[in-house]
Protein backbone atom coordinates (compact mmCIF):
# COMPACT_ATOMS: atom_id res chain seq x y z
CA MET A 1 -49.71 17.73 -59.02
CA GLU A 2 -50.11 21.55 -57.91
CA VAL A 3 -49.44 21.93 -53.83
CA ALA A 4 -52.42 24.85 -54.25
CA GLU A 5 -54.76 21.79 -55.20
CA TRP A 6 -53.33 20.05 -52.05
CA GLN A 7 -53.89 22.77 -50.13
CA ARG A 8 -57.28 23.52 -51.16
CA ILE A 9 -58.40 19.67 -50.26
CA THR A 10 -56.02 19.35 -46.32
CA THR A 11 -59.16 20.02 -43.69
CA TYR A 12 -56.62 20.57 -40.17
CA GLU A 13 -57.18 18.68 -36.35
CA GLY A 14 -55.11 20.23 -33.88
CA TYR A 15 -54.21 23.42 -36.66
CA THR A 16 -55.55 26.05 -38.56
CA VAL A 17 -54.24 27.26 -41.95
CA ASP A 18 -52.09 29.90 -40.88
CA SER A 19 -50.66 27.74 -37.54
CA LYS A 20 -46.45 27.75 -37.73
CA GLN A 21 -46.50 24.62 -38.55
CA VAL A 22 -48.71 25.04 -41.04
CA VAL A 23 -47.49 27.78 -43.14
CA CYS A 24 -44.01 25.56 -42.38
CA PHE A 25 -44.69 22.36 -44.49
CA TRP A 26 -46.49 23.93 -46.81
CA ALA A 27 -43.40 26.38 -47.93
CA VAL A 28 -41.07 23.11 -47.71
CA VAL A 29 -43.70 21.47 -49.52
CA SER A 30 -43.34 24.11 -52.20
CA SER A 31 -39.84 23.28 -52.21
CA PHE A 32 -40.07 20.32 -53.40
CA GLU A 33 -39.25 19.16 -56.71
CA GLU A 34 -41.68 17.11 -58.69
CA ASP A 35 -39.79 13.77 -58.21
CA GLU A 36 -39.96 14.66 -54.32
CA LEU A 37 -44.12 15.43 -54.56
CA SER A 38 -44.36 12.21 -55.74
CA LYS A 39 -42.30 10.32 -52.59
CA LEU A 40 -44.59 12.72 -49.95
CA LEU A 41 -47.82 11.11 -52.27
CA VAL A 42 -46.50 8.24 -51.57
CA PHE A 43 -45.55 9.04 -48.20
CA ALA A 44 -49.07 10.56 -47.45
CA ARG A 45 -51.33 8.17 -49.90
CA GLY A 46 -49.52 4.55 -50.46
CA SER A 47 -49.18 5.01 -54.40
CA SER A 48 -47.77 8.10 -56.23
CA THR A 49 -50.45 8.51 -58.65
CA LEU A 50 -54.12 10.36 -58.24
CA PRO A 51 -57.84 9.61 -59.44
CA HIS A 52 -58.55 9.76 -62.61
CA ALA A 53 -60.59 12.57 -62.33
CA GLY A 54 -57.66 14.26 -60.08
CA ILE A 55 -56.47 15.17 -56.47
CA GLY A 56 -59.40 16.97 -55.97
CA THR A 57 -61.59 14.33 -55.17
CA LEU A 58 -59.16 13.58 -51.81
CA SER A 59 -59.44 14.48 -48.80
CA PHE A 60 -55.95 15.04 -47.14
CA VAL A 61 -55.08 15.73 -43.60
CA LEU A 62 -52.91 17.22 -41.47
CA ARG A 63 -52.95 16.49 -37.87
CA LYS A 64 -51.35 18.16 -34.23
CA VAL A 65 -49.72 15.45 -32.40
CA ALA A 66 -47.16 15.64 -30.03
CA GLY A 67 -43.68 14.84 -29.18
CA ALA A 68 -41.24 17.43 -31.91
CA ASP A 69 -39.13 14.77 -31.15
CA ARG A 70 -40.23 11.39 -33.27
CA LEU A 71 -40.69 12.16 -36.98
CA PRO A 72 -44.11 12.96 -38.99
CA VAL A 73 -46.13 9.52 -39.71
CA ALA A 74 -48.55 9.10 -42.67
CA HIS A 75 -52.11 6.80 -42.28
CA THR A 76 -52.23 5.66 -45.96
CA CYS A 77 -55.62 4.51 -45.64
CA GLU A 78 -57.11 8.13 -44.89
CA PHE A 79 -54.81 10.02 -46.62
CA SER A 80 -53.27 11.68 -43.39
CA ILE A 81 -50.02 13.07 -41.45
CA ASP A 82 -49.45 13.53 -38.26
CA LEU A 83 -47.74 16.70 -38.14
CA PRO A 84 -45.64 17.38 -34.49
CA GLU A 85 -45.34 20.90 -33.61
CA TYR A 86 -40.75 21.23 -34.44
CA GLU A 87 -39.19 24.19 -32.75
CA SER A 88 -38.56 25.13 -36.99
CA SER A 89 -38.46 25.10 -40.31
CA SER A 90 -35.12 23.14 -41.42
CA GLU A 91 -36.44 20.33 -38.70
CA LEU A 92 -39.65 20.07 -40.24
CA GLU A 93 -37.78 19.66 -43.74
CA ALA A 94 -35.84 17.51 -42.25
CA LYS A 95 -37.99 15.56 -39.83
CA LEU A 96 -40.27 15.16 -43.37
CA ARG A 97 -37.55 14.36 -45.17
CA ARG A 98 -36.64 11.76 -43.15
CA ALA A 99 -40.00 9.81 -43.07
CA MET A 100 -39.92 9.66 -46.33
CA GLN A 101 -37.23 7.89 -47.01
CA GLU A 102 -37.95 5.91 -43.95
CA GLU A 103 -40.88 5.00 -44.86
CA THR A 104 -41.94 4.93 -48.12
CA PHE A 105 -41.03 1.53 -49.74
CA GLU A 106 -40.47 1.97 -53.43
CA GLN A 107 -42.35 0.83 -56.86
CA ALA A 108 -41.63 -2.12 -58.07
């Protein structure tokens, strides 16, 4: 899966494409290996597979929420992530990875 394709289908609530958090989010996601991208997809969508027609048929929402002490929260029914405003890119990465680890169910 291409991160650039994922970015193209993204809309923002409370953020803009140029917001510091958005830039950091995509920088972190772009650094992920393929297996980590797959885990992020499971976290955000509830499935590691994409529709037959590809990710371009989906719509992803990255939403600004309060509470920098919280982990990002995924809403798999709408393919979205609630992303608090973190102080740094490293904090965003650490909390995103932790959320993915804690909230991703293993595929049988």
